[in-house]
PDB file of all heavy atoms in Angstrom:
ATOM      1  N   ILE A   1       0.847  -1.209  -0.003  1.00  0.00           N
ATOM      2  CA  ILE A   1      -0.009   0.015   0.007  1.00  0.00           C
ATOM      3  C   ILE A   1       0.880   1.249  -0.001  1.00  0.00           C
ATOM      4  O   ILE A   1       0.608   2.225  -0.714  1.00  0.00           O
ATOM      5  CB  ILE A   1      -0.944  -0.005   1.210  1.00  0.00           C
ATOM      6  CG1 ILE A   1      -2.005  -1.115   1.093  1.00  0.00           C
ATOM      7  CG2 ILE A   1      -1.645   1.355   1.363  1.00  0.00           C
ATOM      8  CD1 ILE A   1      -2.856  -1.306   2.316  1.00  0.00           C
ATOM      9  N   ASP A   2       1.914   1.238   0.795  1.00  0.00           N
ATOM     10  CA  ASP A   2       2.854   2.370   0.834  1.00  0.00           C
ATOM     11  C   ASP A   2       3.512   2.587  -0.522  1.00  0.00           C
ATOM     12  O   ASP A   2       3.734   3.735  -0.957  1.00  0.00           O
ATOM     13  CB  ASP A   2       3.938   2.144   1.895  1.00  0.00           C
ATOM     14  CG  ASP A   2       3.385   2.200   3.317  1.00  0.00           C
ATOM     15  OD1 ASP A   2       2.270   2.734   3.500  1.00  0.00           O
ATOM     16  OD2 ASP A   2       4.076   1.707   4.235  1.00  0.00           O
ATOM     17  N   THR A   3       3.819   1.479  -1.200  1.00  0.00           N
ATOM     18  CA  THR A   3       4.414   1.604  -2.532  1.00  0.00           C
ATOM     19  C   THR A   3       3.445   2.198  -3.545  1.00  0.00           C
ATOM     20  O   THR A   3       3.827   3.068  -4.350  1.00  0.00           O
ATOM     21  CB  THR A   3       4.848   0.190  -3.050  1.00  0.00           C
ATOM     22  OG1 THR A   3       5.828  -0.350  -2.140  1.00  0.00           O
ATOM     23  CG2 THR A   3       5.436   0.272  -4.434  1.00  0.00           C
ATOM     24  N   VAL A   4       2.195   1.775  -3.477  1.00  0.00           N
ATOM     25  CA  VAL A   4       1.160   2.333  -4.365  1.00  0.00           C
ATOM     26  C   VAL A   4       1.033   3.827  -4.109  1.00  0.00           C
ATOM     27  O   VAL A   4       0.969   4.655  -5.042  1.00  0.00           O
ATOM     28  CB  VAL A   4      -0.183   1.629  -4.171  1.00  0.00           C
ATOM     29  CG1 VAL A   4      -1.282   2.324  -4.978  1.00  0.00           C
ATOM     30  CG2 VAL A   4      -0.095   0.150  -4.590  1.00  0.00           C
ATOM     31  N   GLN A   5       0.993   4.211  -2.835  1.00  0.00           N
ATOM     32  CA  GLN A   5       0.860   5.614  -2.482  1.00  0.00           C
ATOM     33  C   GLN A   5       2.055   6.425  -3.022  1.00  0.00           C
ATOM     34  O   GLN A   5       1.872   7.501  -3.589  1.00  0.00           O
ATOM     35  CB  GLN A   5       0.769   5.779  -0.973  1.00  0.00           C
ATOM     36  CG  GLN A   5       0.723   7.237  -0.503  1.00  0.00           C
ATOM     37  CD  GLN A   5       0.546   7.369   0.984  1.00  0.00           C
ATOM     38  OE1 GLN A   5      -0.272   6.662   1.591  1.00  0.00           O
ATOM     39  NE2 GLN A   5       1.315   8.248   1.621  1.00  0.00           N
ATOM     40  N   SER A   6       3.227   5.900  -2.858  1.00  0.00           N
ATOM     41  CA  SER A   6       4.439   6.592  -3.348  1.00  0.00           C
ATOM     42  C   SER A   6       4.381   6.796  -4.849  1.00  0.00           C
ATOM     43  O   SER A   6       4.730   7.865  -5.360  1.00  0.00           O
ATOM     44  CB  SER A   6       5.700   5.814  -2.965  1.00  0.00           C
ATOM     45  OG  SER A   6       5.856   5.759  -1.556  1.00  0.00           O
ATOM     46  N   LYS A   7       3.994   5.758  -5.586  1.00  0.00           N
ATOM     47  CA  LYS A   7       3.903   5.854  -7.035  1.00  0.00           C
ATOM     48  C   LYS A   7       2.874   6.885  -7.469  1.00  0.00           C
ATOM     49  O   LYS A   7       3.112   7.676  -8.396  1.00  0.00           O
ATOM     50  CB  LYS A   7       3.561   4.481  -7.650  1.00  0.00           C
ATOM     51  CG  LYS A   7       4.707   3.487  -7.580  1.00  0.00           C
ATOM     52  CD  LYS A   7       4.290   2.161  -8.201  1.00  0.00           C
ATOM     53  CE  LYS A   7       5.433   1.147  -8.150  1.00  0.00           C
ATOM     54  NZ  LYS A   7       5.053  -0.157  -8.743  1.00  0.00           N
ATOM     55  N   MET A   8       1.739   6.886  -6.794  1.00  0.00           N
ATOM     56  CA  MET A   8       0.680   7.828  -7.167  1.00  0.00           C
ATOM     57  C   MET A   8       1.132   9.273  -6.888  1.00  0.00           C
ATOM     58  O   MET A   8       0.906  10.156  -7.706  1.00  0.00           O
ATOM     59  CB  MET A   8      -0.601   7.485  -6.434  1.00  0.00           C
ATOM     60  CG  MET A   8      -1.242   6.180  -6.848  1.00  0.00           C
ATOM     61  SD  MET A   8      -2.831   5.830  -6.006  1.00  0.00           S
ATOM     62  CE  MET A   8      -3.943   6.974  -6.870  1.00  0.00           C
ATOM     63  N   LEU A   9       1.727   9.493  -5.739  1.00  0.00           N
ATOM     64  CA  LEU A   9       2.179  10.836  -5.386  1.00  0.00           C
ATOM     65  C   LEU A   9       3.338  11.286  -6.295  1.00  0.00           C
ATOM     66  O   LEU A   9       3.412  12.460  -6.672  1.00  0.00           O
ATOM     67  CB  LEU A   9       2.618  10.886  -3.916  1.00  0.00           C
ATOM     68  CG  LEU A   9       1.475  10.812  -2.889  1.00  0.00           C
ATOM     69  CD1 LEU A   9       2.040  10.668  -1.489  1.00  0.00           C
ATOM     70  CD2 LEU A   9       0.570  12.046  -3.002  1.00  0.00           C
ATOM     71  N   MET A  10       4.180  10.372  -6.706  1.00  0.00           N
ATOM     72  CA  MET A  10       5.287  10.696  -7.593  1.00  0.00           C
ATOM     73  C   MET A  10       4.755  11.130  -8.963  1.00  0.00           C
ATOM     74  O   MET A  10       5.255  12.073  -9.572  1.00  0.00           O
ATOM     75  CB  MET A  10       6.213   9.493  -7.761  1.00  0.00           C
ATOM     76  CG  MET A  10       7.499   9.788  -8.535  1.00  0.00           C
ATOM     77  SD  MET A  10       8.556   8.313  -8.674  1.00  0.00           S
ATOM     78  CE  MET A  10       8.851   7.976  -6.937  1.00  0.00           C
ATOM     79  N   ASN A  11       3.712  10.449  -9.412  1.00  0.00           N
ATOM     80  CA  ASN A  11       3.111  10.772 -10.730  1.00  0.00           C
ATOM     81  C   ASN A  11       2.371  12.103 -10.663  1.00  0.00           C
ATOM     82  O   ASN A  11       2.011  12.659 -11.696  1.00  0.00           O
ATOM     83  CB  ASN A  11       2.136   9.684 -11.158  1.00  0.00           C
ATOM     84  CG  ASN A  11       2.830   8.398 -11.537  1.00  0.00           C
ATOM     85  OD1 ASN A  11       4.003   8.408 -11.846  1.00  0.00           O
ATOM     86  ND2 ASN A  11       2.104   7.290 -11.472  1.00  0.00           N
ATOM     87  N   CYS A  12       2.121  12.551  -9.440  1.00  0.00           N
ATOM     88  CA  CYS A  12       1.309  13.759  -9.259  1.00  0.00           C
ATOM     89  C   CYS A  12       2.092  14.822  -8.500  1.00  0.00           C
ATOM     90  O   CYS A  12       1.508  15.629  -7.777  1.00  0.00           O
ATOM     91  CB  CYS A  12       0.052  13.381  -8.477  1.00  0.00           C
ATOM     92  SG  CYS A  12      -1.402  14.375  -8.928  1.00  0.00           S
ATOM     93  N   SER A  13       3.386  14.865  -8.697  1.00  0.00           N
ATOM     94  CA  SER A  13       4.246  15.796  -7.962  1.00  0.00           C
ATOM     95  C   SER A  13       3.890  17.253  -8.275  1.00  0.00           C
ATOM     96  O   SER A  13       4.066  18.137  -7.439  1.00  0.00           O
ATOM     97  CB  SER A  13       5.723  15.547  -8.283  1.00  0.00           C
ATOM     98  OG  SER A  13       5.967  15.675  -9.682  1.00  0.00           O
ATOM     99  N   ASP A  14       3.387  17.503  -9.479  1.00  0.00           N
ATOM    100  CA  ASP A  14       3.019  18.873  -9.845  1.00  0.00           C
ATOM    101  C   ASP A  14       1.511  19.122  -9.796  1.00  0.00           C
ATOM    102  O   ASP A  14       1.001  20.105 -10.325  1.00  0.00           O
ATOM    103  CB  ASP A  14       3.539  19.175 -11.254  1.00  0.00           C
ATOM    104  CG  ASP A  14       2.973  18.212 -12.303  1.00  0.00           C
ATOM    105  OD1 ASP A  14       2.417  17.161 -11.911  1.00  0.00           O
ATOM    106  OD2 ASP A  14       3.075  18.513 -13.509  1.00  0.00           O
ATOM    107  N   CYS A  15       0.809  18.221  -9.110  1.00  0.00           N
ATOM    108  CA  CYS A  15      -0.635  18.337  -9.010  1.00  0.00           C
ATOM    109  C   CYS A  15      -1.027  19.372  -7.951  1.00  0.00           C
ATOM    110  O   CYS A  15      -0.224  19.727  -7.073  1.00  0.00           O
ATOM    111  CB  CYS A  15      -1.274  17.002  -8.652  1.00  0.00           C
ATOM    112  SG  CYS A  15      -1.224  15.779  -9.961  1.00  0.00           S
ATOM    113  N   ALA A  16      -2.272  19.818  -8.017  1.00  0.00           N
ATOM    114  CA  ALA A  16      -2.810  20.694  -7.004  1.00  0.00           C
ATOM    115  C   ALA A  16      -2.978  19.930  -5.686  1.00  0.00           C
ATOM    116  O   ALA A  16      -3.065  18.690  -5.681  1.00  0.00           O
ATOM    117  CB  ALA A  16      -4.171  21.259  -7.456  1.00  0.00           C
ATOM    118  N   GLU A  17      -3.059  20.663  -4.592  1.00  0.00           N
ATOM    119  CA  GLU A  17      -3.187  20.007  -3.277  1.00  0.00           C
ATOM    120  C   GLU A  17      -4.489  19.208  -3.172  1.00  0.00           C
ATOM    121  O   GLU A  17      -4.526  18.180  -2.516  1.00  0.00           O
ATOM    122  CB  GLU A  17      -3.149  21.067  -2.164  1.00  0.00           C
ATOM    123  CG  GLU A  17      -1.765  21.642  -1.908  1.00  0.00           C
ATOM    124  CD  GLU A  17      -0.740  20.545  -1.575  1.00  0.00           C
ATOM    125  OE1 GLU A  17      -1.064  19.660  -0.748  1.00  0.00           O
ATOM    126  OE2 GLU A  17       0.344  20.557  -2.140  1.00  0.00           O
ATOM    127  N   THR A  18      -5.556  19.658  -3.856  1.00  0.00           N
ATOM    128  CA  THR A  18      -6.799  18.906  -3.824  1.00  0.00           C
ATOM    129  C   THR A  18      -6.636  17.535  -4.448  1.00  0.00           C
ATOM    130  O   THR A  18      -7.244  16.548  -4.005  1.00  0.00           O
ATOM    131  CB  THR A  18      -7.899  19.663  -4.555  1.00  0.00           C
ATOM    132  OG1 THR A  18      -7.449  20.041  -5.879  1.00  0.00           O
ATOM    133  CG2 THR A  18      -8.297  20.924  -3.815  1.00  0.00           C
ATOM    134  N   GLN A  19      -5.810  17.448  -5.502  1.00  0.00           N
ATOM    135  CA  GLN A  19      -5.553  16.160  -6.159  1.00  0.00           C
ATOM    136  C   GLN A  19      -4.715  15.259  -5.258  1.00  0.00           C
ATOM    137  O   GLN A  19      -4.978  14.055  -5.158  1.00  0.00           O
ATOM    138  CB  GLN A  19      -4.888  16.385  -7.499  1.00  0.00           C
ATOM    139  CG  GLN A  19      -5.793  17.033  -8.530  1.00  0.00           C
ATOM    140  CD  GLN A  19      -5.043  17.382  -9.808  1.00  0.00           C
ATOM    141  OE1 GLN A  19      -4.063  18.112  -9.787  1.00  0.00           O
ATOM    142  NE2 GLN A  19      -5.537  16.884 -10.933  1.00  0.00           N
ATOM    143  N   LYS A  20      -3.703  15.841  -4.628  1.00  0.00           N
ATOM    144  CA  LYS A  20      -2.871  15.056  -3.731  1.00  0.00           C
ATOM    145  C   LYS A  20      -3.692  14.528  -2.541  1.00  0.00           C
ATOM    146  O   LYS A  20      -3.496  13.402  -2.091  1.00  0.00           O
ATOM    147  CB  LYS A  20      -1.683  15.888  -3.239  1.00  0.00           C
ATOM    148  CG  LYS A  20      -0.686  16.235  -4.345  1.00  0.00           C
ATOM    149  CD  LYS A  20       0.445  17.111  -3.846  1.00  0.00           C
ATOM    150  CE  LYS A  20       1.404  17.480  -4.973  1.00  0.00           C
ATOM    151  NZ  LYS A  20       2.485  18.373  -4.507  1.00  0.00           N
ATOM    152  N   GLN A  21      -4.605  15.368  -2.059  1.00  0.00           N
ATOM    153  CA  GLN A  21      -5.466  14.923  -0.969  1.00  0.00           C
ATOM    154  C   GLN A  21      -6.376  13.797  -1.400  1.00  0.00           C
ATOM    155  O   GLN A  21      -6.659  12.867  -0.627  1.00  0.00           O
ATOM    156  CB  GLN A  21      -6.306  16.094  -0.452  1.00  0.00           C
ATOM    157  CG  GLN A  21      -7.126  15.781   0.790  1.00  0.00           C
ATOM    158  CD  GLN A  21      -6.294  15.298   1.947  1.00  0.00           C
ATOM    159  OE1 GLN A  21      -5.316  15.944   2.348  1.00  0.00           O
ATOM    160  NE2 GLN A  21      -6.639  14.139   2.499  1.00  0.00           N
ATOM    161  N   LEU A  22      -6.822  13.848  -2.656  1.00  0.00           N
ATOM    162  CA  LEU A  22      -7.660  12.775  -3.161  1.00  0.00           C
ATOM    163  C   LEU A  22      -6.896  11.468  -3.231  1.00  0.00           C
ATOM    164  O   LEU A  22      -7.474  10.392  -2.973  1.00  0.00           O
ATOM    165  CB  LEU A  22      -8.188  13.156  -4.559  1.00  0.00           C
ATOM    166  CG  LEU A  22      -9.300  12.269  -5.146  1.00  0.00           C
ATOM    167  CD1 LEU A  22     -10.499  12.241  -4.226  1.00  0.00           C
ATOM    168  CD2 LEU A  22      -9.688  12.740  -6.543  1.00  0.00           C
ATOM    169  N   ILE A  23      -5.606  11.522  -3.532  1.00  0.00           N
ATOM    170  CA  ILE A  23      -4.777  10.318  -3.514  1.00  0.00           C
ATOM    171  C   ILE A  23      -4.744   9.742  -2.107  1.00  0.00           C
ATOM    172  O   ILE A  23      -4.909   8.528  -1.901  1.00  0.00           O
ATOM    173  CB  ILE A  23      -3.352  10.630  -3.980  1.00  0.00           C
ATOM    174  CG1 ILE A  23      -3.323  10.944  -5.468  1.00  0.00           C
ATOM    175  CG2 ILE A  23      -2.393   9.454  -3.669  1.00  0.00           C
ATOM    176  CD1 ILE A  23      -1.964  11.401  -5.993  1.00  0.00           C
ATOM    177  N   LEU A  24      -4.525  10.580  -1.111  1.00  0.00           N
ATOM    178  CA  LEU A  24      -4.472  10.116   0.279  1.00  0.00           C
ATOM    179  C   LEU A  24      -5.835   9.552   0.721  1.00  0.00           C
ATOM    180  O   LEU A  24      -5.878   8.549   1.446  1.00  0.00           O
ATOM    181  CB  LEU A  24      -4.047  11.261   1.202  1.00  0.00           C
ATOM    182  CG  LEU A  24      -2.664  11.851   0.923  1.00  0.00           C
ATOM    183  CD1 LEU A  24      -2.366  12.994   1.885  1.00  0.00           C
ATOM    184  CD2 LEU A  24      -1.592  10.762   1.041  1.00  0.00           C
ATOM    185  N   ASN A  25      -6.908  10.154   0.250  1.00  0.00           N
ATOM    186  CA  ASN A  25      -8.246   9.611   0.559  1.00  0.00           C
ATOM    187  C   ASN A  25      -8.422   8.240  -0.076  1.00  0.00           C
ATOM    188  O   ASN A  25      -9.004   7.328   0.534  1.00  0.00           O
ATOM    189  CB  ASN A  25      -9.338  10.560   0.028  1.00  0.00           C
ATOM    190  CG  ASN A  25      -9.392  11.862   0.784  1.00  0.00           C
ATOM    191  OD1 ASN A  25      -8.827  11.990   1.873  1.00  0.00           O
ATOM    192  ND2 ASN A  25     -10.072  12.847   0.218  1.00  0.00           N
ATOM    193  N   PHE A  26      -7.919   8.099  -1.289  1.00  0.00           N
ATOM    194  CA  PHE A  26      -8.013   6.804  -1.988  1.00  0.00           C
ATOM    195  C   PHE A  26      -7.218   5.741  -1.226  1.00  0.00           C
ATOM    196  O   PHE A  26      -7.703   4.622  -1.011  1.00  0.00           O
ATOM    197  CB  PHE A  26      -7.490   6.948  -3.412  1.00  0.00           C
ATOM    198  CG  PHE A  26      -7.566   5.675  -4.213  1.00  0.00           C
ATOM    199  CD1 PHE A  26      -8.755   5.216  -4.691  1.00  0.00           C
ATOM    200  CD2 PHE A  26      -6.400   4.960  -4.497  1.00  0.00           C
ATOM    201  CE1 PHE A  26      -8.839   4.044  -5.412  1.00  0.00           C
ATOM    202  CE2 PHE A  26      -6.461   3.789  -5.233  1.00  0.00           C
ATOM    203  CZ  PHE A  26      -7.680   3.327  -5.693  1.00  0.00           C
ATOM    204  N   ILE A  27      -6.010   6.070  -0.820  1.00  0.00           N
ATOM    205  CA  ILE A  27      -5.172   5.116  -0.081  1.00  0.00           C
ATOM    206  C   ILE A  27      -5.829   4.722   1.237  1.00  0.00           C
ATOM    207  O   ILE A  27      -5.781   3.552   1.644  1.00  0.00           O
ATOM    208  CB  ILE A  27      -3.767   5.707   0.162  1.00  0.00           C
ATOM    209  CG1 ILE A  27      -3.025   5.890  -1.178  1.00  0.00           C
ATOM    210  CG2 ILE A  27      -2.972   4.800   1.103  1.00  0.00           C
ATOM    211  CD1 ILE A  27      -2.806   4.622  -1.954  1.00  0.00           C
ATOM    212  N   ASP A  28      -6.481   5.664   1.893  1.00  0.00           N
ATOM    213  CA  ASP A  28      -7.208   5.332   3.126  1.00  0.00           C
ATOM    214  C   ASP A  28      -8.297   4.315   2.872  1.00  0.00           C
ATOM    215  O   ASP A  28      -8.497   3.385   3.675  1.00  0.00           O
ATOM    216  CB  ASP A  28      -7.829   6.606   3.732  1.00  0.00           C
ATOM    217  CG  ASP A  28      -6.817   7.480   4.432  1.00  0.00           C
ATOM    218  OD1 ASP A  28      -5.712   6.976   4.753  1.00  0.00           O
ATOM    219  OD2 ASP A  28      -7.124   8.667   4.684  1.00  0.00           O
ATOM    220  N   LYS A  29      -8.973   4.443   1.731  1.00  0.00           N
ATOM    221  CA  LYS A  29     -10.017   3.476   1.378  1.00  0.00           C
ATOM    222  C   LYS A  29      -9.430   2.116   1.079  1.00  0.00           C
ATOM    223  O   LYS A  29      -9.987   1.075   1.440  1.00  0.00           O
ATOM    224  CB  LYS A  29     -10.837   3.994   0.182  1.00  0.00           C
ATOM    225  CG  LYS A  29     -11.744   5.159   0.525  1.00  0.00           C
ATOM    226  CD  LYS A  29     -12.516   5.615  -0.730  1.00  0.00           C
ATOM    227  CE  LYS A  29     -13.495   6.724  -0.365  1.00  0.00           C
ATOM    228  NZ  LYS A  29     -14.584   6.258   0.522  1.00  0.00           N
ATOM    229  N   VAL A  30      -8.273   2.116   0.393  1.00  0.00           N
ATOM    230  CA  VAL A  30      -7.602   0.854   0.111  1.00  0.00           C
ATOM    231  C   VAL A  30      -7.227   0.146   1.417  1.00  0.00           C
ATOM    232  O   VAL A  30      -7.436  -1.063   1.557  1.00  0.00           O
ATOM    233  CB  VAL A  30      -6.323   1.097  -0.738  1.00  0.00           C
ATOM    234  CG1 VAL A  30      -5.514  -0.210  -0.887  1.00  0.00           C
ATOM    235  CG2 VAL A  30      -6.670   1.626  -2.130  1.00  0.00           C
ATOM    236  N   LYS A  31      -6.727   0.884   2.362  1.00  0.00           N
ATOM    237  CA  LYS A  31      -6.359   0.313   3.653  1.00  0.00           C
ATOM    238  C   LYS A  31      -7.563  -0.325   4.358  1.00  0.00           C
ATOM    239  O   LYS A  31      -7.440  -1.380   4.969  1.00  0.00           O
ATOM    240  CB  LYS A  31      -5.750   1.388   4.572  1.00  0.00           C
ATOM    241  CG  LYS A  31      -4.377   1.868   4.154  1.00  0.00           C
ATOM    242  CD  LYS A  31      -3.878   2.985   5.076  1.00  0.00           C
ATOM    243  CE  LYS A  31      -2.515   3.496   4.640  1.00  0.00           C
ATOM    244  NZ  LYS A  31      -2.034   4.610   5.479  1.00  0.00           N
ATOM    245  N   LYS A  32      -8.692   0.340   4.254  1.00  0.00           N
ATOM    246  CA  LYS A  32      -9.902  -0.183   4.918  1.00  0.00           C
ATOM    247  C   LYS A  32     -10.357  -1.518   4.308  1.00  0.00           C
ATOM    248  O   LYS A  32     -10.971  -2.342   5.013  1.00  0.00           O
ATOM    249  CB  LYS A  32     -11.035   0.845   4.806  1.00  0.00           C
ATOM    250  CG  LYS A  32     -10.831   2.070   5.662  1.00  0.00           C
ATOM    251  CD  LYS A  32     -11.956   3.058   5.475  1.00  0.00           C
ATOM    252  CE  LYS A  32     -11.727   4.336   6.305  1.00  0.00           C
ATOM    253  NZ  LYS A  32     -12.780   5.341   6.103  1.00  0.00           N
ATOM    254  N   HIS A  33     -10.036  -1.717   3.041  1.00  0.00           N
ATOM    255  CA  HIS A  33     -10.438  -2.967   2.376  1.00  0.00           C
ATOM    256  C   HIS A  33      -9.386  -4.073   2.471  1.00  0.00           C
ATOM    257  O   HIS A  33      -9.662  -5.205   2.060  1.00  0.00           O
ATOM    258  CB  HIS A  33     -10.776  -2.692   0.914  1.00  0.00           C
ATOM    259  CG  HIS A  33     -12.018  -1.907   0.711  1.00  0.00           C
ATOM    260  ND1 HIS A  33     -13.263  -2.361   1.094  1.00  0.00           N
ATOM    261  CD2 HIS A  33     -12.227  -0.649   0.163  1.00  0.00           C
ATOM    262  CE1 HIS A  33     -14.184  -1.467   0.790  1.00  0.00           C
ATOM    263  NE2 HIS A  33     -13.571  -0.422   0.225  1.00  0.00           N
ATOM    264  N   CYS A  34      -8.226  -3.720   3.000  1.00  0.00           N
ATOM    265  CA  CYS A  34      -7.189  -4.729   3.211  1.00  0.00           C
ATOM    266  C   CYS A  34      -7.301  -5.279   4.627  1.00  0.00           C
ATOM    267  O   CYS A  34      -7.717  -4.576   5.540  1.00  0.00           O
ATOM    268  CB  CYS A  34      -5.789  -4.107   2.990  1.00  0.00           C
ATOM    269  SG  CYS A  34      -5.287  -4.094   1.261  1.00  0.00           S
TER     270      CYS A  34
END
């Protein structure tokens, strides 16, 4: 999960903060299902 998060954030290094927050929200949901 940490690896997926790192890859997503790396691909979005120039994204707006709202997009980066959406990544973190997505990872939280992934964690809940694991």
